[in-house]
Amino acid sequence: MPATRPSGEVPARGKRADAQRNRQTLLSAAAEVFVASGVDAPIREIAARAGVGMGTIYRHFPTRADLVVAVYRHQVEACAEAGPGLLATTGSPFEALRRWAGLFVDFLVTKHGLANALQSDSGGFDALHAYFLDRLVPVCGELLDAASRAGETRPDVQAYELMRGIGNLCVGHDSDPRYDPRRLVELLLDGLRRPQPS
């Protein structure tokens, strides 16, 4: 609990830490709602998931586009940070890659509404896409390299092509409830496995 001054005020540093935690809680809640319901989900649904009032969301994110872009960046960072953690805590590099791919699919399901949310700001979309590639291609490459060194996957798969393939499998998820990209992503990953000697 942050220390208070004699006046009862919380020091500025404590306020900033609280505000940052609140922002992260909002972004996590919004990401979950966007994955389940798309980027057009009602703001009240996000507020309910985060346990805050709608005014709190609008204070942090005045427009839906602001919220969607912030969720996008939040998920990129979560995906980027998850890769090394999964490698360190999972017994098999391939299993770490498989789990990371699941997080990546969740991210991509949210990403598909980004262009519509940004509307005419194509320059903003391009900058976010570049940021996405800069942060995530090296992480995917690290996971693939570890799995290849362990003899679990083929050595000739590039991170960008795998991510592009997963992305292509996620297209159409929003428009067809019968289609679950996760099943086909699992099949794609199984295709990377190096045959084990019998």
Protein backbone atom coordinates (compact mmCIF):
# COMPACT_ATOMS: atom_id res chain seq x y z
CA MET A 1 0.00 0.00 0.00
CA PRO A 2 1.55 3.37 -0.99
CA ALA A 3 2.62 5.70 1.79
CA THR A 4 0.55 8.85 2.27
CA ARG A 5 1.59 12.38 3.09
CA PRO A 6 0.24 14.09 6.23
CA SER A 7 -2.44 15.63 4.00
CA GLY A 8 -3.58 12.09 3.11
CA GLU A 9 -2.43 12.39 -0.51
CA VAL A 10 -0.66 9.49 -2.19
CA PRO A 11 2.76 10.54 -3.55
CA ALA A 12 2.92 11.08 -7.30
CA ARG A 13 5.03 7.95 -7.86
CA GLY A 14 2.39 5.81 -6.12
CA LYS A 15 -0.34 7.43 -8.21
CA ARG A 16 1.60 6.74 -11.40
CA ALA A 17 2.09 3.08 -10.42
CA ASP A 18 -1.63 2.74 -9.63
CA ALA A 19 -2.57 4.38 -12.92
CA GLN A 20 -0.25 2.05 -14.81
CA ARG A 21 -1.74 -1.01 -13.08
CA ASN A 22 -5.26 0.22 -13.87
CA ARG A 23 -4.29 0.76 -17.50
CA GLN A 24 -2.81 -2.77 -17.74
CA THR A 25 -5.97 -4.23 -16.16
CA LEU A 26 -8.10 -2.38 -18.71
CA LEU A 27 -5.93 -3.55 -21.61
CA SER A 28 -6.01 -7.17 -20.47
CA ALA A 29 -9.79 -7.05 -20.09
CA ALA A 30 -10.22 -5.39 -23.49
CA ALA A 31 -7.96 -7.98 -25.14
CA GLU A 32 -10.05 -10.83 -23.68
CA VAL A 33 -13.28 -9.19 -24.86
CA PHE A 34 -11.86 -8.46 -28.33
CA VAL A 35 -10.73 -12.08 -28.72
CA ALA A 36 -14.20 -13.32 -27.73
CA SER A 37 -16.38 -10.67 -29.39
CA GLY A 38 -14.24 -8.65 -31.83
CA VAL A 39 -13.07 -5.04 -31.71
CA ASP A 40 -16.63 -3.77 -32.08
CA ALA A 41 -17.62 -5.23 -28.71
CA PRO A 42 -19.51 -2.76 -26.49
CA ILE A 43 -17.32 -0.66 -24.21
CA ARG A 44 -19.64 -1.57 -21.31
CA GLU A 45 -18.62 -5.22 -21.77
CA ILE A 46 -14.96 -4.26 -21.38
CA ALA A 47 -15.76 -2.09 -18.35
CA ALA A 48 -17.64 -4.98 -16.73
CA ARG A 49 -14.77 -7.39 -17.39
CA ALA A 50 -12.25 -4.92 -15.92
CA GLY A 51 -14.50 -4.07 -12.96
CA VAL A 52 -14.50 -0.32 -13.69
CA GLY A 53 -16.95 2.30 -14.88
CA MET A 54 -17.13 3.30 -18.53
CA GLY A 55 -15.84 6.76 -17.63
CA THR A 56 -12.56 5.20 -16.50
CA ILE A 57 -12.08 3.61 -19.91
CA TYR A 58 -12.81 6.89 -21.72
CA ARG A 59 -10.39 8.75 -19.43
CA HIS A 60 -7.58 6.41 -20.52
CA PHE A 61 -8.75 5.89 -24.12
CA PRO A 62 -10.92 8.73 -25.51
CA THR A 63 -11.78 6.84 -28.73
CA ARG A 64 -12.27 3.20 -29.70
CA ALA A 65 -9.28 3.51 -32.06
CA ASP A 66 -7.10 4.61 -29.10
CA LEU A 67 -8.22 1.55 -27.16
CA VAL A 68 -7.72 -0.87 -30.05
CA VAL A 69 -4.21 0.43 -30.79
CA ALA A 70 -3.28 0.24 -27.10
CA VAL A 71 -4.58 -3.36 -26.91
CA TYR A 72 -2.62 -4.19 -30.06
CA ARG A 73 0.63 -2.88 -28.54
CA HIS A 74 -0.15 -4.55 -25.21
CA GLN A 75 -0.62 -7.92 -26.93
CA VAL A 76 2.52 -7.52 -29.04
CA GLU A 77 4.52 -6.95 -25.86
CA ALA A 78 2.83 -9.86 -24.07
CA CYS A 79 3.61 -12.16 -27.02
CA ALA A 80 7.20 -10.93 -27.22
CA GLU A 81 7.78 -11.44 -23.49
CA ALA A 82 6.09 -14.85 -23.45
CA GLY A 83 8.55 -16.50 -25.85
CA PRO A 84 11.66 -16.53 -23.62
CA GLY A 85 9.53 -17.38 -20.58
CA LEU A 86 8.00 -20.40 -22.31
CA LEU A 87 11.42 -21.61 -23.43
CA ALA A 88 12.70 -21.35 -19.88
CA THR A 89 9.77 -23.13 -18.23
CA THR A 90 8.62 -25.71 -20.78
CA GLY A 91 10.37 -29.06 -21.03
CA SER A 92 10.32 -29.11 -24.82
CA PRO A 93 11.18 -26.23 -27.17
CA PHE A 94 8.50 -27.50 -29.57
CA GLU A 95 5.91 -27.36 -26.79
CA ALA A 96 7.08 -23.79 -26.04
CA LEU A 97 6.60 -22.96 -29.74
CA ARG A 98 3.15 -24.57 -29.74
CA ARG A 99 2.02 -22.58 -26.70
CA TRP A 100 3.45 -19.38 -28.12
CA ALA A 101 1.58 -20.00 -31.38
CA GLY A 102 -1.65 -20.20 -29.35
CA LEU A 103 -0.95 -16.75 -27.88
CA PHE A 104 -0.11 -15.48 -31.35
CA VAL A 105 -3.44 -16.76 -32.71
CA ASP A 106 -5.31 -14.95 -29.92
CA PHE A 107 -3.43 -11.80 -30.89
CA LEU A 108 -4.21 -12.22 -34.59
CA VAL A 109 -7.92 -12.69 -33.92
CA THR A 110 -7.88 -9.23 -32.31
CA LYS A 111 -5.64 -7.72 -35.01
CA HIS A 112 -8.08 -8.38 -37.84
CA GLY A 113 -10.32 -5.50 -36.79
CA LEU A 114 -7.47 -3.04 -36.44
CA ALA A 115 -7.61 -1.51 -39.93
CA ASN A 116 -11.34 -0.80 -39.59
CA ALA A 117 -10.83 0.74 -36.15
CA LEU A 118 -8.12 3.05 -37.50
CA GLN A 119 -10.30 3.86 -40.54
CA SER A 120 -8.38 6.28 -42.79
CA ASP A 121 -5.12 6.30 -40.80
CA SER A 122 -3.24 3.87 -43.05
CA GLY A 123 0.09 5.38 -41.98
CA GLY A 124 -0.70 4.48 -38.36
CA PHE A 125 -1.56 0.94 -39.38
CA ASP A 126 1.70 0.58 -41.33
CA ALA A 127 3.74 1.82 -38.35
CA LEU A 128 2.02 -0.67 -36.04
CA HIS A 129 2.63 -3.51 -38.50
CA ALA A 130 6.35 -2.65 -38.62
CA TYR A 131 6.44 -2.60 -34.81
CA PHE A 132 4.71 -6.00 -34.75
CA LEU A 133 7.30 -7.53 -37.09
CA ASP A 134 10.26 -5.97 -35.27
CA ARG A 135 9.11 -7.34 -31.92
CA LEU A 136 7.72 -10.77 -32.84
CA VAL A 137 9.77 -12.19 -35.73
CA PRO A 138 12.93 -12.48 -33.56
CA VAL A 139 10.94 -14.19 -30.77
CA CYS A 140 9.44 -16.73 -33.18
CA GLY A 141 12.92 -17.25 -34.65
CA GLU A 142 14.35 -17.98 -31.21
CA LEU A 143 11.64 -20.58 -30.55
CA LEU A 144 12.15 -22.23 -33.96
CA ASP A 145 15.94 -22.30 -33.52
CA ALA A 146 15.63 -23.92 -30.10
CA ALA A 147 13.22 -26.56 -31.41
CA SER A 148 15.49 -27.27 -34.39
CA ARG A 149 18.61 -27.57 -32.18
CA ALA A 150 16.69 -30.02 -29.99
CA GLY A 151 15.94 -32.12 -33.09
CA GLU A 152 12.20 -31.56 -32.71
CA THR A 153 11.51 -29.58 -35.89
CA ARG A 154 12.84 -29.20 -39.40
CA PRO A 155 15.73 -26.74 -39.66
CA ASP A 156 14.52 -25.04 -42.86
CA VAL A 157 11.53 -23.07 -41.52
CA GLN A 158 11.85 -19.29 -41.27
CA ALA A 159 10.09 -17.31 -38.54
CA TYR A 160 8.47 -14.84 -40.93
CA GLU A 161 7.00 -17.56 -43.15
CA LEU A 162 5.62 -19.47 -40.17
CA MET A 163 4.01 -16.32 -38.76
CA ARG A 164 2.63 -15.44 -42.19
CA GLY A 165 1.21 -18.96 -42.54
CA ILE A 166 -0.46 -18.79 -39.14
CA GLY A 167 -1.83 -15.36 -40.04
CA ASN A 168 -3.31 -16.65 -43.28
CA LEU A 169 -5.02 -19.50 -41.42
CA CYS A 170 -6.63 -16.95 -39.09
CA VAL A 171 -8.23 -14.98 -41.94
CA GLY A 172 -11.98 -15.47 -42.06
CA HIS A 173 -12.38 -16.38 -38.40
CA ASP A 174 -14.65 -13.37 -37.81
CA SER A 175 -17.01 -14.09 -40.69
CA ASP A 176 -17.53 -17.83 -40.23
CA PRO A 177 -18.34 -19.22 -36.78
CA ARG A 178 -17.84 -22.76 -38.11
CA TYR A 179 -14.15 -22.08 -38.71
CA ASP A 180 -11.63 -22.41 -35.88
CA PRO A 181 -8.12 -21.52 -37.02
CA ARG A 182 -6.56 -23.15 -33.95
CA ARG A 183 -7.17 -26.63 -35.31
CA LEU A 184 -5.40 -25.87 -38.58
CA VAL A 185 -2.57 -24.07 -36.79
CA GLU A 186 -2.05 -27.27 -34.76
CA LEU A 187 -1.88 -29.24 -38.03
CA LEU A 188 0.59 -26.73 -39.45
CA LEU A 189 2.81 -27.06 -36.39
CA ASP A 190 2.61 -30.85 -36.56
CA GLY A 191 3.92 -30.54 -40.11
CA LEU A 192 7.07 -28.87 -38.76
CA ARG A 193 7.95 -31.89 -36.64
CA ARG A 194 11.06 -33.74 -37.68
CA PRO A 195 10.30 -37.44 -38.20
CA GLN A 196 11.71 -39.44 -35.32
CA PRO A 197 13.57 -42.69 -36.05
CA SER A 198 11.39 -45.74 -35.49
